[in-house]
Each structure stands twice: as C-alpha cells, then as structure tokens.
Amino acid sequence: MTCRRFGGDRGQAFPIYVVLVAGLLFAALAYFTIGKAGIVRSNAQGAADAAALAAAREARDTLLSGVDLATLSPEEWEQVLLGNRFDASGACAAAQDFAAMNDATVECSSSGTRFTVRSLTNGTVGDSVVPGTSGKRGEAGATAEIVPRCHVKAGGSSDGGSTPTPTPTPTPTPTPKPTATATPAPPGPIKFACAKGVVVDYDPAQPRVWRSLAAALFDIRLID
C-alpha cells in the first residue's frame, strides 16, 4: 500500500507562492513608480505653463521707456496693439521666479509676442525598483502668446482741434510781420472696439494705469 506524503506536496508549493508574491510586490512597486513619475511630469508641466504665462504677462504689462500714452495718435495705438511697444527685457526673469515657486528651473526664449519655456523639476522620482528612473526629473515645455482683443474703433478718436490762428495780411512796410503758426492740439480720447462687442475708452485727460488698460486690451494664451 502506497502512502501519500502531504507534507512533501506542501513543501513543493511553497517556492511557487514565494515567487508569486514577489512578482506581485514588484508589480505594485513598479506601478507606484509609474504613478510617481507621472506626478513629477505633471509638476514640470504646471511649472512650465505658469512660467510661460508669467513671461507673457510681464511683457504685456511693461511698455518701452519713453512711450507716452497721452500723446499717441490712432496709428501709434495700432502699433501698441500689435505688440511693438512692449518691453520684454524682464519677461524671462519673471518666468524664472515663477518656476522657482514651483520648485523648478526654466530655460526661456522669446520671439515677438510669444514666450517659450522649458522646465526641469528640482524633485526626482526617488528610489525605484525600475532601473534608470531613481534620479529622473520631470521635464516639460510651454509657449504663451500675447493676443490683442481690440482695435482702434473707426471714428473713435476725437482730436482736440484748436482753431488755427489766421495768418495776418502783410502790410507794405519795410519789415514784414512774422506768420503766426497754430499750435497742434494733443490727441483726444481713443475708443477701442474689442471682442464680444466690448468698447474700451482711453482719455488722456484721465489716464488709466497701463497694467489695468493692458489687461482689457490683450489676452494671454497658452498655445503649446
């Protein structure tokens, strides 16, 4: 009569259980690493988006030195709306400041009214069972653009229009009298026709702070 060795069967199954549990544990740690890598990547994208928007906003809110809004003609206002009067010298510094708030560093460049950044997180994925991921940092890019919402409204400019002083008629004397010249009047209020039927007024006699006016005249959008 043959005796079955139950204890021996249990002994042979134990290594299989060990391998199975080890495999499940490795899979769980791998999924955890993938999740953490996703978070790091998301942090990098958030830092890039915020930095690009900060760069564009800094440029939009800063005009070139010497630009006097109160003296601009409608044609010169159109140049402002095209972004040709922005001072972008501090844009990348603003991008770096915002990246630092998000625990990241950025490389920044600009082209006209577009500002492109590439962010790199200071934090890493950390210890991982997946080879090559332990010291990996998050990287991401973003581009923001300043987009005009308005244009100078047709007929929206009213010049001060002082009446020229008439030229006096010369008299037959040995010394002719000088010709009087009219003093040009400063530009009057400007009206801007904006998106969704909004009309924005600018009156040189009651000037608005440029930062406030710029927020009404321009949008800032992420385009990449």
C-alpha atoms as a PDB file:
ATOM      1  CA  MET A   1       0.000   0.000   0.000  1.00  0.00           C
ATOM      2  CA  THR A   2       1.345   3.463  -1.063  1.00  0.00           C
ATOM      3  CA  CYS A   3       1.382   6.298   1.483  1.00  0.00           C
ATOM      4  CA  ARG A   4       0.858   9.886   0.219  1.00  0.00           C
ATOM      5  CA  ARG A   5       3.255  12.471   1.550  1.00  0.00           C
ATOM      6  CA  PHE A   6       1.062  15.518   2.134  1.00  0.00           C
ATOM      7  CA  GLY A   7       3.820  17.390   3.852  1.00  0.00           C
ATOM      8  CA  GLY A   8       6.044  16.923   0.800  1.00  0.00           C
ATOM      9  CA  ASP A   9       3.405  18.435  -1.522  1.00  0.00           C
ATOM     10  CA  ARG A  10       3.122  21.492   0.675  1.00  0.00           C
ATOM     11  CA  GLY A  11       6.874  21.895   0.647  1.00  0.00           C
ATOM     12  CA  GLN A  12       6.967  21.869  -3.161  1.00  0.00           C
ATOM     13  CA  ALA A  13       4.203  24.517  -3.446  1.00  0.00           C
ATOM     14  CA  PHE A  14       5.828  26.966  -1.053  1.00  0.00           C
ATOM     15  CA  PRO A  15       8.510  28.218  -3.528  1.00  0.00           C
ATOM     16  CA  ILE A  16       5.766  28.885  -6.087  1.00  0.00           C
ATOM     17  CA  TYR A  17       3.913  31.045  -3.583  1.00  0.00           C
ATOM     18  CA  VAL A  18       7.098  32.938  -2.786  1.00  0.00           C
ATOM     19  CA  VAL A  19       7.743  33.665  -6.471  1.00  0.00           C
ATOM     20  CA  LEU A  20       4.127  34.713  -6.997  1.00  0.00           C
ATOM     21  CA  VAL A  21       4.119  37.083  -4.021  1.00  0.00           C
ATOM     22  CA  ALA A  22       7.478  38.535  -5.053  1.00  0.00           C
ATOM     23  CA  GLY A  23       6.142  39.139  -8.571  1.00  0.00           C
ATOM     24  CA  LEU A  24       3.038  40.863  -7.275  1.00  0.00           C
ATOM     25  CA  LEU A  25       5.134  43.005  -4.933  1.00  0.00           C
ATOM     26  CA  PHE A  26       7.436  44.019  -7.787  1.00  0.00           C
ATOM     27  CA  ALA A  27       4.463  44.894  -9.970  1.00  0.00           C
ATOM     28  CA  ALA A  28       2.968  47.028  -7.202  1.00  0.00           C
ATOM     29  CA  LEU A  29       6.241  48.896  -6.710  1.00  0.00           C
ATOM     30  CA  ALA A  30       6.578  49.375 -10.480  1.00  0.00           C
ATOM     31  CA  TYR A  31       3.075  50.845 -10.700  1.00  0.00           C
ATOM     32  CA  PHE A  32       3.883  53.100  -7.756  1.00  0.00           C
ATOM     33  CA  THR A  33       6.992  54.318  -9.579  1.00  0.00           C
ATOM     34  CA  ILE A  34       4.992  54.973 -12.742  1.00  0.00           C
ATOM     35  CA  GLY A  35       2.467  56.955 -10.719  1.00  0.00           C
ATOM     36  CA  LYS A  36       5.173  58.985  -9.025  1.00  0.00           C
ATOM     37  CA  ALA A  37       6.841  59.656 -12.382  1.00  0.00           C
ATOM     38  CA  GLY A  38       3.504  60.905 -13.669  1.00  0.00           C
ATOM     39  CA  ILE A  39       3.231  63.305 -10.742  1.00  0.00           C
ATOM     40  CA  VAL A  40       6.748  64.626 -11.357  1.00  0.00           C
ATOM     41  CA  ARG A  41       5.927  65.105 -15.034  1.00  0.00           C
ATOM     42  CA  SER A  42       2.698  66.902 -14.122  1.00  0.00           C
ATOM     43  CA  ASN A  43       4.629  69.191 -11.772  1.00  0.00           C
ATOM     44  CA  ALA A  44       7.019  70.022 -14.600  1.00  0.00           C
ATOM     45  CA  GLN A  45       4.143  70.883 -16.932  1.00  0.00           C
ATOM     46  CA  GLY A  46       2.496  73.055 -14.301  1.00  0.00           C
ATOM     47  CA  ALA A  47       5.766  74.915 -13.733  1.00  0.00           C
ATOM     48  CA  ALA A  48       6.256  75.412 -17.480  1.00  0.00           C
ATOM     49  CA  ASP A  49       2.711  76.718 -18.005  1.00  0.00           C
ATOM     50  CA  ALA A  50       2.957  79.141 -15.090  1.00  0.00           C
ATOM     51  CA  ALA A  51       6.391  80.381 -16.185  1.00  0.00           C
ATOM     52  CA  ALA A  52       5.326  80.975 -19.804  1.00  0.00           C
ATOM     53  CA  LEU A  53       2.222  82.883 -18.713  1.00  0.00           C
ATOM     54  CA  ALA A  54       4.289  84.945 -16.270  1.00  0.00           C
ATOM     55  CA  ALA A  55       6.754  85.905 -19.005  1.00  0.00           C
ATOM     56  CA  ALA A  56       3.984  86.999 -21.370  1.00  0.00           C
ATOM     57  CA  ARG A  57       2.175  88.916 -18.630  1.00  0.00           C
ATOM     58  CA  GLU A  58       5.353  90.752 -17.604  1.00  0.00           C
ATOM     59  CA  ALA A  59       5.967  91.844 -21.215  1.00  0.00           C
ATOM     60  CA  ARG A  60       2.330  92.879 -21.735  1.00  0.00           C
ATOM     61  CA  ASP A  61       2.323  94.984 -18.576  1.00  0.00           C
ATOM     62  CA  THR A  62       5.561  96.827 -19.386  1.00  0.00           C
ATOM     63  CA  LEU A  63       5.901  99.432 -22.146  1.00  0.00           C
ATOM     64  CA  LEU A  64       9.154 100.630 -23.650  1.00  0.00           C
ATOM     65  CA  SER A  65      10.725 103.579 -21.899  1.00  0.00           C
ATOM     66  CA  GLY A  66       9.606 106.872 -23.394  1.00  0.00           C
ATOM     67  CA  VAL A  67       6.173 105.717 -24.591  1.00  0.00           C
ATOM     68  CA  ASP A  68       3.674 108.398 -23.510  1.00  0.00           C
ATOM     69  CA  LEU A  69       0.131 107.091 -23.939  1.00  0.00           C
ATOM     70  CA  ALA A  70      -1.344 110.580 -23.670  1.00  0.00           C
ATOM     71  CA  THR A  71       0.372 111.713 -26.882  1.00  0.00           C
ATOM     72  CA  LEU A  72      -0.229 108.639 -29.080  1.00  0.00           C
ATOM     73  CA  SER A  73      -2.135 109.019 -32.334  1.00  0.00           C
ATOM     74  CA  PRO A  74      -4.569 106.306 -33.514  1.00  0.00           C
ATOM     75  CA  GLU A  75      -1.866 104.961 -35.832  1.00  0.00           C
ATOM     76  CA  GLU A  76       0.591 104.722 -32.945  1.00  0.00           C
ATOM     77  CA  TRP A  77      -2.042 102.969 -30.833  1.00  0.00           C
ATOM     78  CA  GLU A  78      -2.330 100.318 -33.551  1.00  0.00           C
ATOM     79  CA  GLN A  79       1.392  99.669 -33.154  1.00  0.00           C
ATOM     80  CA  VAL A  80       0.849  99.213 -29.425  1.00  0.00           C
ATOM     81  CA  LEU A  81      -1.899  96.690 -30.156  1.00  0.00           C
ATOM     82  CA  LEU A  82       0.469  94.778 -32.436  1.00  0.00           C
ATOM     83  CA  GLY A  83       2.883  94.392 -29.537  1.00  0.00           C
ATOM     84  CA  ASN A  84       5.539  96.668 -30.994  1.00  0.00           C
ATOM     85  CA  ARG A  85       5.821  98.806 -27.874  1.00  0.00           C
ATOM     86  CA  PHE A  86       6.262  96.088 -25.241  1.00  0.00           C
ATOM     87  CA  ASP A  87       9.400  95.898 -23.133  1.00  0.00           C
ATOM     88  CA  ALA A  88      10.199  92.171 -22.851  1.00  0.00           C
ATOM     89  CA  SER A  89      13.559  92.619 -21.107  1.00  0.00           C
ATOM     90  CA  GLY A  90      12.203  91.367 -17.769  1.00  0.00           C
ATOM     91  CA  ALA A  91       9.977  88.593 -19.146  1.00  0.00           C
ATOM     92  CA  CYS A  92      12.366  85.678 -18.683  1.00  0.00           C
ATOM     93  CA  ALA A  93      13.291  86.815 -15.179  1.00  0.00           C
ATOM     94  CA  ALA A  94       9.587  86.667 -14.286  1.00  0.00           C
ATOM     95  CA  ALA A  95       9.409  83.167 -15.777  1.00  0.00           C
ATOM     96  CA  GLN A  96      12.326  82.012 -13.639  1.00  0.00           C
ATOM     97  CA  ASP A  97      10.756  83.470 -10.490  1.00  0.00           C
ATOM     98  CA  PHE A  98       7.500  81.587 -11.091  1.00  0.00           C
ATOM     99  CA  ALA A  99       9.376  78.373 -11.852  1.00  0.00           C
ATOM    100  CA  ALA A 100      11.232  78.672  -8.549  1.00  0.00           C
ATOM    101  CA  MET A 101       7.872  78.938  -6.747  1.00  0.00           C
ATOM    102  CA  ASN A 102       7.011  75.578  -8.332  1.00  0.00           C
ATOM    103  CA  ASP A 103      10.342  74.002  -7.328  1.00  0.00           C
ATOM    104  CA  ALA A 104      11.709  74.002 -10.861  1.00  0.00           C
ATOM    105  CA  THR A 105      14.114  75.808 -13.165  1.00  0.00           C
ATOM    106  CA  VAL A 106      13.395  77.022 -16.697  1.00  0.00           C
ATOM    107  CA  GLU A 107      15.098  77.962 -19.932  1.00  0.00           C
ATOM    108  CA  CYS A 108      13.281  80.871 -21.570  1.00  0.00           C
ATOM    109  CA  SER A 109      13.239  82.468 -25.005  1.00  0.00           C
ATOM    110  CA  SER A 110      11.010  84.963 -26.800  1.00  0.00           C
ATOM    111  CA  SER A 111      10.006  85.736 -30.362  1.00  0.00           C
ATOM    112  CA  GLY A 112       7.842  88.802 -30.806  1.00  0.00           C
ATOM    113  CA  THR A 113       4.818  88.330 -28.571  1.00  0.00           C
ATOM    114  CA  ARG A 114       5.498  84.625 -27.948  1.00  0.00           C
ATOM    115  CA  PHE A 115       7.393  83.311 -24.935  1.00  0.00           C
ATOM    116  CA  THR A 116       8.633  79.725 -24.786  1.00  0.00           C
ATOM    117  CA  VAL A 117       9.998  77.972 -21.700  1.00  0.00           C
ATOM    118  CA  ARG A 118      11.383  74.547 -20.904  1.00  0.00           C
ATOM    119  CA  SER A 119      11.076  73.495 -17.269  1.00  0.00           C
ATOM    120  CA  LEU A 120      13.055  70.978 -15.219  1.00  0.00           C
ATOM    121  CA  THR A 121      11.848  69.982 -11.754  1.00  0.00           C
ATOM    122  CA  ASN A 122      14.224  70.012  -8.814  1.00  0.00           C
ATOM    123  CA  GLY A 123      12.476  66.958  -7.377  1.00  0.00           C
ATOM    124  CA  THR A 124      13.085  63.480  -8.786  1.00  0.00           C
ATOM    125  CA  VAL A 125      11.151  60.228  -8.939  1.00  0.00           C
ATOM    126  CA  GLY A 126      13.198  58.948  -5.992  1.00  0.00           C
ATOM    127  CA  ASP A 127      14.127  55.376  -5.063  1.00  0.00           C
ATOM    128  CA  SER A 128      12.622  52.939  -7.523  1.00  0.00           C
ATOM    129  CA  VAL A 129      12.699  49.279  -8.492  1.00  0.00           C
ATOM    130  CA  VAL A 130      12.609  50.351 -12.149  1.00  0.00           C
ATOM    131  CA  PRO A 131      16.175  50.778 -13.426  1.00  0.00           C
ATOM    132  CA  GLY A 132      17.169  54.275 -14.559  1.00  0.00           C
ATOM    133  CA  THR A 133      14.261  56.157 -13.004  1.00  0.00           C
ATOM    134  CA  SER A 134      15.508  56.908  -9.482  1.00  0.00           C
ATOM    135  CA  GLY A 135      17.165  60.252 -10.302  1.00  0.00           C
ATOM    136  CA  LYS A 136      14.920  61.231 -13.182  1.00  0.00           C
ATOM    137  CA  ARG A 137      13.443  64.740 -13.118  1.00  0.00           C
ATOM    138  CA  GLY A 138      10.310  65.993 -14.779  1.00  0.00           C
ATOM    139  CA  GLU A 139      10.673  67.983 -17.993  1.00  0.00           C
ATOM    140  CA  ALA A 140       8.042  69.919 -19.941  1.00  0.00           C
ATOM    141  CA  GLY A 141       7.649  72.848 -22.306  1.00  0.00           C
ATOM    142  CA  ALA A 142       5.065  75.583 -22.819  1.00  0.00           C
ATOM    143  CA  THR A 143       4.545  78.630 -25.033  1.00  0.00           C
ATOM    144  CA  ALA A 144       2.378  81.632 -24.183  1.00  0.00           C
ATOM    145  CA  GLU A 145       1.356  84.403 -26.564  1.00  0.00           C
ATOM    146  CA  ILE A 146       0.022  87.933 -26.096  1.00  0.00           C
ATOM    147  CA  VAL A 147      -3.067  88.278 -28.286  1.00  0.00           C
ATOM    148  CA  PRO A 148      -4.800  91.624 -28.951  1.00  0.00           C
ATOM    149  CA  ARG A 149      -8.513  91.668 -28.154  1.00  0.00           C
ATOM    150  CA  CYS A 150      -9.190  95.114 -29.618  1.00  0.00           C
ATOM    151  CA  HIS A 151      -8.540  97.548 -32.440  1.00  0.00           C
ATOM    152  CA  VAL A 152      -8.890 101.313 -32.638  1.00  0.00           C
ATOM    153  CA  LYS A 153     -12.544 101.995 -33.321  1.00  0.00           C
ATOM    154  CA  ALA A 154     -13.257 103.802 -36.582  1.00  0.00           C
ATOM    155  CA  GLY A 155     -14.095 107.391 -35.745  1.00  0.00           C
ATOM    156  CA  GLY A 156     -13.221 106.699 -32.138  1.00  0.00           C
ATOM    157  CA  SER A 157     -10.576 109.398 -31.975  1.00  0.00           C
ATOM    158  CA  SER A 158     -11.576 112.962 -31.264  1.00  0.00           C
ATOM    159  CA  ASP A 159      -8.742 115.423 -31.707  1.00  0.00           C
ATOM    160  CA  GLY A 160      -8.690 118.476 -29.524  1.00  0.00           C
ATOM    161  CA  GLY A 161      -8.761 120.578 -32.675  1.00  0.00           C
ATOM    162  CA  SER A 162      -7.828 124.097 -31.672  1.00  0.00           C
ATOM    163  CA  THR A 163      -8.693 126.580 -34.422  1.00  0.00           C
ATOM    164  CA  PRO A 164      -5.556 127.812 -36.211  1.00  0.00           C
ATOM    165  CA  THR A 165      -4.812 131.469 -35.797  1.00  0.00           C
ATOM    166  CA  PRO A 166      -5.196 133.133 -39.210  1.00  0.00           C
ATOM    167  CA  THR A 167      -2.088 134.437 -40.875  1.00  0.00           C
ATOM    168  CA  PRO A 168      -2.077 138.224 -40.763  1.00  0.00           C
ATOM    169  CA  THR A 169      -2.039 140.049 -44.061  1.00  0.00           C
ATOM    170  CA  PRO A 170       1.376 141.611 -44.715  1.00  0.00           C
ATOM    171  CA  THR A 171       1.425 145.407 -44.811  1.00  0.00           C
ATOM    172  CA  PRO A 172       3.614 147.331 -47.193  1.00  0.00           C
ATOM    173  CA  THR A 173       6.262 148.210 -44.657  1.00  0.00           C
ATOM    174  CA  PRO A 174       9.999 147.655 -44.886  1.00  0.00           C
ATOM    175  CA  THR A 175       9.868 144.966 -42.158  1.00  0.00           C
ATOM    176  CA  PRO A 176       7.378 142.119 -42.861  1.00  0.00           C
ATOM    177  CA  LYS A 177       5.435 140.774 -39.919  1.00  0.00           C
ATOM    178  CA  PRO A 178       6.068 137.101 -38.952  1.00  0.00           C
ATOM    179  CA  THR A 179       3.500 134.494 -39.858  1.00  0.00           C
ATOM    180  CA  ALA A 180       1.629 133.084 -36.849  1.00  0.00           C
ATOM    181  CA  THR A 181       1.691 129.273 -36.542  1.00  0.00           C
ATOM    182  CA  ALA A 182      -1.122 127.269 -34.999  1.00  0.00           C
ATOM    183  CA  THR A 183      -0.169 125.054 -32.029  1.00  0.00           C
ATOM    184  CA  PRO A 184      -1.156 121.416 -32.751  1.00  0.00           C
ATOM    185  CA  ALA A 185      -3.681 120.055 -30.303  1.00  0.00           C
ATOM    186  CA  PRO A 186      -2.889 116.881 -28.348  1.00  0.00           C
ATOM    187  CA  PRO A 187      -4.772 113.704 -29.359  1.00  0.00           C
ATOM    188  CA  GLY A 188      -8.218 113.350 -27.852  1.00  0.00           C
ATOM    189  CA  PRO A 189      -9.872 110.311 -26.267  1.00  0.00           C
ATOM    190  CA  ILE A 190      -9.455 106.944 -28.026  1.00  0.00           C
ATOM    191  CA  LYS A 191     -12.089 104.230 -28.275  1.00  0.00           C
ATOM    192  CA  PHE A 192     -11.191 100.573 -28.794  1.00  0.00           C
ATOM    193  CA  ALA A 193     -13.598  98.035 -30.252  1.00  0.00           C
ATOM    194  CA  CYS A 194     -12.925  94.724 -28.503  1.00  0.00           C
ATOM    195  CA  ALA A 195     -14.117  91.142 -28.612  1.00  0.00           C
ATOM    196  CA  LYS A 196     -17.765  90.378 -27.762  1.00  0.00           C
ATOM    197  CA  GLY A 197     -18.820  93.946 -28.523  1.00  0.00           C
ATOM    198  CA  VAL A 198     -16.914  95.492 -25.619  1.00  0.00           C
ATOM    199  CA  VAL A 199     -15.778  99.107 -26.058  1.00  0.00           C
ATOM    200  CA  VAL A 200     -12.787 100.353 -24.052  1.00  0.00           C
ATOM    201  CA  ASP A 201     -12.153 104.095 -23.649  1.00  0.00           C
ATOM    202  CA  TYR A 202      -8.874 105.856 -23.023  1.00  0.00           C
ATOM    203  CA  ASP A 203      -8.922 109.542 -22.169  1.00  0.00           C
ATOM    204  CA  PRO A 204      -5.514 111.267 -21.961  1.00  0.00           C
ATOM    205  CA  ALA A 205      -7.074 113.798 -19.595  1.00  0.00           C
ATOM    206  CA  GLN A 206      -7.902 110.949 -17.157  1.00  0.00           C
ATOM    207  CA  PRO A 207      -5.252 108.335 -17.923  1.00  0.00           C
ATOM    208  CA  ARG A 208      -5.530 104.755 -16.685  1.00  0.00           C
ATOM    209  CA  VAL A 209      -2.634 102.755 -15.290  1.00  0.00           C
ATOM    210  CA  TRP A 210      -1.171 100.804 -18.215  1.00  0.00           C
ATOM    211  CA  ARG A 211      -1.303  97.474 -16.376  1.00  0.00           C
ATOM    212  CA  SER A 212      -5.073  97.848 -15.986  1.00  0.00           C
ATOM    213  CA  LEU A 213      -5.574  99.033 -19.566  1.00  0.00           C
ATOM    214  CA  ALA A 214      -3.367  96.239 -20.943  1.00  0.00           C
ATOM    215  CA  ALA A 215      -5.495  93.603 -19.210  1.00  0.00           C
ATOM    216  CA  ALA A 216      -8.519  94.982 -21.091  1.00  0.00           C
ATOM    217  CA  LEU A 217      -6.795  95.231 -24.486  1.00  0.00           C
ATOM    218  CA  PHE A 218      -4.922  91.898 -24.557  1.00  0.00           C
ATOM    219  CA  ASP A 219      -5.411  88.223 -23.781  1.00  0.00           C
ATOM    220  CA  ILE A 220      -2.611  85.866 -22.775  1.00  0.00           C
ATOM    221  CA  ARG A 221      -2.981  82.280 -24.004  1.00  0.00           C
ATOM    222  CA  LEU A 222      -1.058  79.052 -23.848  1.00  0.00           C
ATOM    223  CA  ILE A 223      -0.584  77.852 -27.421  1.00  0.00           C
ATOM    224  CA  ASP A 224       1.667  74.829 -26.888  1.00  0.00           C
END
